[in-house]
Amino acid sequence: MQNYYTGLKLYSFANEKAKEMGLNSSAVKMNSLIHMIQEKEGHSPCFRRKDHCSEITCCWQAACGAAMNYEI
């Protein structure tokens, strides 16, 4: 089951994930940090940049704000 976070839990998760990936997360705002992680994973840095999204397994979706498209 996928975990979804918001607020401080999201920022803490992003920091932890960035460190595991070897990214420098010091003095980086949360949105930029998540964009860095998305790019490192080979994804588009789309967090809070789109109105609609079809990435239903994205761990950032609870805080993103994009309307989810559940079409298969």
N, C-alpha and C. Protein backbone atom coordinates (compact mmCIF):
# COMPACT_ATOMS: atom_id res chain seq x y z
N MET A 1 0.84 -1.19 0.00
CA MET A 1 0.00 0.00 0.00
C MET A 1 0.88 1.25 0.00
N GLN A 2 0.52 2.23 -0.80
CA GLN A 2 1.25 3.48 -0.94
C GLN A 2 0.90 4.42 0.21
N ASN A 3 1.92 5.05 0.80
CA ASN A 3 1.69 6.05 1.83
C ASN A 3 1.63 7.43 1.19
N TYR A 4 0.71 8.27 1.66
CA TYR A 4 0.58 9.63 1.17
C TYR A 4 0.72 10.57 2.36
N TYR A 5 1.52 11.61 2.19
CA TYR A 5 1.81 12.53 3.29
C TYR A 5 1.43 13.96 2.91
N THR A 6 1.23 14.78 3.93
CA THR A 6 1.01 16.21 3.76
C THR A 6 1.79 16.94 4.85
N GLY A 7 1.93 18.23 4.70
CA GLY A 7 2.54 19.07 5.72
C GLY A 7 3.96 18.67 6.10
N LEU A 8 4.24 18.71 7.41
CA LEU A 8 5.57 18.40 7.90
C LEU A 8 6.00 16.97 7.62
N LYS A 9 5.05 16.05 7.63
CA LYS A 9 5.38 14.65 7.30
C LYS A 9 5.86 14.55 5.86
N LEU A 10 5.25 15.32 4.96
CA LEU A 10 5.66 15.32 3.57
C LEU A 10 7.08 15.86 3.44
N TYR A 11 7.36 16.98 4.10
CA TYR A 11 8.69 17.59 4.02
C TYR A 11 9.75 16.66 4.60
N SER A 12 9.43 16.02 5.71
CA SER A 12 10.35 15.07 6.34
C SER A 12 10.60 13.89 5.41
N PHE A 13 9.54 13.36 4.80
CA PHE A 13 9.67 12.26 3.84
C PHE A 13 10.54 12.67 2.66
N ALA A 14 10.31 13.88 2.13
CA ALA A 14 11.09 14.36 1.00
C ALA A 14 12.56 14.49 1.36
N ASN A 15 12.85 15.03 2.55
CA ASN A 15 14.24 15.16 3.00
C ASN A 15 14.92 13.80 3.11
N GLU A 16 14.21 12.84 3.71
CA GLU A 16 14.76 11.50 3.88
C GLU A 16 15.03 10.85 2.52
N LYS A 17 14.06 10.97 1.63
CA LYS A 17 14.20 10.39 0.29
C LYS A 17 15.35 11.04 -0.47
N ALA A 18 15.49 12.35 -0.35
CA ALA A 18 16.57 13.08 -1.03
C ALA A 18 17.94 12.60 -0.52
N LYS A 19 18.07 12.44 0.77
CA LYS A 19 19.33 11.97 1.35
C LYS A 19 19.67 10.58 0.86
N GLU A 20 18.67 9.69 0.79
CA GLU A 20 18.88 8.33 0.29
C GLU A 20 19.34 8.33 -1.17
N MET A 21 18.92 9.35 -1.92
CA MET A 21 19.26 9.44 -3.33
C MET A 21 20.55 10.23 -3.56
N GLY A 22 21.15 10.73 -2.48
CA GLY A 22 22.39 11.48 -2.59
C GLY A 22 22.20 12.93 -3.00
N LEU A 23 20.99 13.45 -2.83
CA LEU A 23 20.71 14.84 -3.17
C LEU A 23 20.93 15.74 -1.96
N ASN A 24 21.46 16.92 -2.19
CA ASN A 24 21.66 17.89 -1.11
C ASN A 24 20.35 18.63 -0.87
N SER A 25 19.74 18.39 0.28
CA SER A 25 18.44 18.99 0.57
C SER A 25 18.51 20.18 1.50
N SER A 26 19.71 20.61 1.86
CA SER A 26 19.83 21.74 2.79
C SER A 26 19.47 23.04 2.08
N ALA A 27 18.71 23.86 2.75
CA ALA A 27 18.28 25.18 2.26
C ALA A 27 17.47 25.10 0.96
N VAL A 28 16.76 24.00 0.75
CA VAL A 28 15.93 23.84 -0.45
C VAL A 28 14.47 23.81 0.00
N LYS A 29 13.65 24.62 -0.64
CA LYS A 29 12.22 24.63 -0.31
C LYS A 29 11.59 23.32 -0.77
N MET A 30 10.48 22.96 -0.10
CA MET A 30 9.87 21.66 -0.34
C MET A 30 9.52 21.41 -1.80
N ASN A 31 8.88 22.35 -2.47
CA ASN A 31 8.51 22.12 -3.87
C ASN A 31 9.73 21.84 -4.73
N SER A 32 10.78 22.62 -4.55
CA SER A 32 12.00 22.43 -5.32
C SER A 32 12.65 21.09 -5.00
N LEU A 33 12.61 20.71 -3.74
CA LEU A 33 13.16 19.43 -3.32
C LEU A 33 12.43 18.27 -3.99
N ILE A 34 11.12 18.35 -4.00
CA ILE A 34 10.32 17.30 -4.63
C ILE A 34 10.59 17.27 -6.14
N HIS A 35 10.75 18.43 -6.76
CA HIS A 35 11.08 18.47 -8.19
C HIS A 35 12.43 17.79 -8.44
N MET A 36 13.40 18.04 -7.58
CA MET A 36 14.72 17.40 -7.72
C MET A 36 14.59 15.88 -7.63
N ILE A 37 13.79 15.41 -6.68
CA ILE A 37 13.57 13.97 -6.51
C ILE A 37 12.89 13.38 -7.74
N GLN A 38 11.85 14.06 -8.21
CA GLN A 38 11.13 13.57 -9.39
C GLN A 38 12.07 13.45 -10.60
N GLU A 39 12.91 14.45 -10.80
CA GLU A 39 13.85 14.40 -11.92
C GLU A 39 14.87 13.27 -11.75
N LYS A 40 15.38 13.10 -10.54
CA LYS A 40 16.36 12.05 -10.27
C LYS A 40 15.75 10.66 -10.54
N GLU A 41 14.46 10.52 -10.28
CA GLU A 41 13.75 9.26 -10.52
C GLU A 41 13.36 9.09 -11.99
N GLY A 42 13.63 10.09 -12.82
CA GLY A 42 13.30 10.00 -14.24
C GLY A 42 11.91 10.47 -14.60
N HIS A 43 11.28 11.20 -13.68
CA HIS A 43 9.92 11.71 -13.91
C HIS A 43 9.97 13.20 -14.22
N SER A 44 8.88 13.69 -14.71
CA SER A 44 8.73 15.12 -14.94
C SER A 44 8.60 15.82 -13.59
N PRO A 45 9.26 16.96 -13.40
CA PRO A 45 9.14 17.70 -12.14
C PRO A 45 7.81 18.47 -12.11
N CYS A 46 6.74 17.75 -11.86
CA CYS A 46 5.39 18.32 -12.04
C CYS A 46 4.68 18.68 -10.73
N PHE A 47 5.27 18.42 -9.58
CA PHE A 47 4.60 18.66 -8.30
C PHE A 47 4.09 20.09 -8.22
N ARG A 48 2.79 20.24 -8.04
CA ARG A 48 2.09 21.52 -7.94
C ARG A 48 2.25 22.40 -9.17
N ARG A 49 2.48 21.78 -10.32
CA ARG A 49 2.61 22.52 -11.57
C ARG A 49 1.51 22.18 -12.58
N LYS A 50 0.71 21.15 -12.30
CA LYS A 50 -0.32 20.71 -13.23
C LYS A 50 -1.69 20.82 -12.59
N ASP A 51 -2.71 20.98 -13.43
CA ASP A 51 -4.09 21.00 -12.95
C ASP A 51 -4.66 19.59 -12.87
N HIS A 52 -4.20 18.70 -13.75
CA HIS A 52 -4.69 17.31 -13.81
C HIS A 52 -3.50 16.36 -13.89
N CYS A 53 -3.66 15.18 -13.32
CA CYS A 53 -2.58 14.21 -13.27
C CYS A 53 -3.14 12.79 -13.41
N SER A 54 -2.37 11.93 -14.06
CA SER A 54 -2.80 10.53 -14.20
C SER A 54 -1.83 9.58 -13.49
N GLU A 55 -0.88 10.11 -12.75
CA GLU A 55 0.09 9.28 -12.01
C GLU A 55 -0.52 8.85 -10.67
N ILE A 56 -1.38 7.84 -10.72
CA ILE A 56 -2.14 7.47 -9.53
C ILE A 56 -1.28 6.82 -8.43
N THR A 57 -0.07 6.40 -8.75
CA THR A 57 0.79 5.82 -7.73
C THR A 57 1.82 6.81 -7.20
N CYS A 58 1.70 8.06 -7.57
CA CYS A 58 2.65 9.08 -7.14
C CYS A 58 2.52 9.32 -5.64
N CYS A 59 3.64 9.25 -4.93
CA CYS A 59 3.61 9.43 -3.48
C CYS A 59 3.41 10.89 -3.08
N TRP A 60 3.45 11.80 -4.03
CA TRP A 60 3.28 13.24 -3.72
C TRP A 60 1.85 13.71 -3.94
N GLN A 61 0.96 12.87 -4.46
CA GLN A 61 -0.36 13.32 -4.89
C GLN A 61 -1.24 13.92 -3.80
N ALA A 62 -1.13 13.49 -2.57
CA ALA A 62 -1.99 14.02 -1.51
C ALA A 62 -1.74 15.50 -1.27
N ALA A 63 -0.53 15.97 -1.53
CA ALA A 63 -0.19 17.36 -1.30
C ALA A 63 -0.07 18.17 -2.58
N CYS A 64 -0.17 17.52 -3.71
CA CYS A 64 0.07 18.18 -5.00
C CYS A 64 -1.04 19.17 -5.36
N GLY A 65 -2.27 18.75 -5.25
CA GLY A 65 -3.39 19.62 -5.59
C GLY A 65 -3.95 19.39 -6.99
N ALA A 66 -3.28 18.59 -7.79
CA ALA A 66 -3.79 18.28 -9.13
C ALA A 66 -4.97 17.32 -9.03
N ALA A 67 -5.97 17.55 -9.86
CA ALA A 67 -7.10 16.63 -9.92
C ALA A 67 -6.63 15.35 -10.57
N MET A 68 -6.95 14.21 -9.96
CA MET A 68 -6.48 12.92 -10.46
C MET A 68 -7.40 12.41 -11.56
N ASN A 69 -6.78 11.92 -12.64
CA ASN A 69 -7.47 11.26 -13.75
C ASN A 69 -7.27 9.77 -13.54
N TYR A 70 -8.33 9.05 -13.26
CA TYR A 70 -8.21 7.62 -12.97
C TYR A 70 -8.49 6.74 -14.18
N GLU A 71 -8.37 7.30 -15.37
CA GLU A 71 -8.60 6.52 -16.58
C GLU A 71 -7.45 5.57 -16.80
N ILE A 72 -7.74 4.39 -17.29
CA ILE A 72 -6.71 3.39 -17.59
C ILE A 72 -6.50 3.29 -19.07
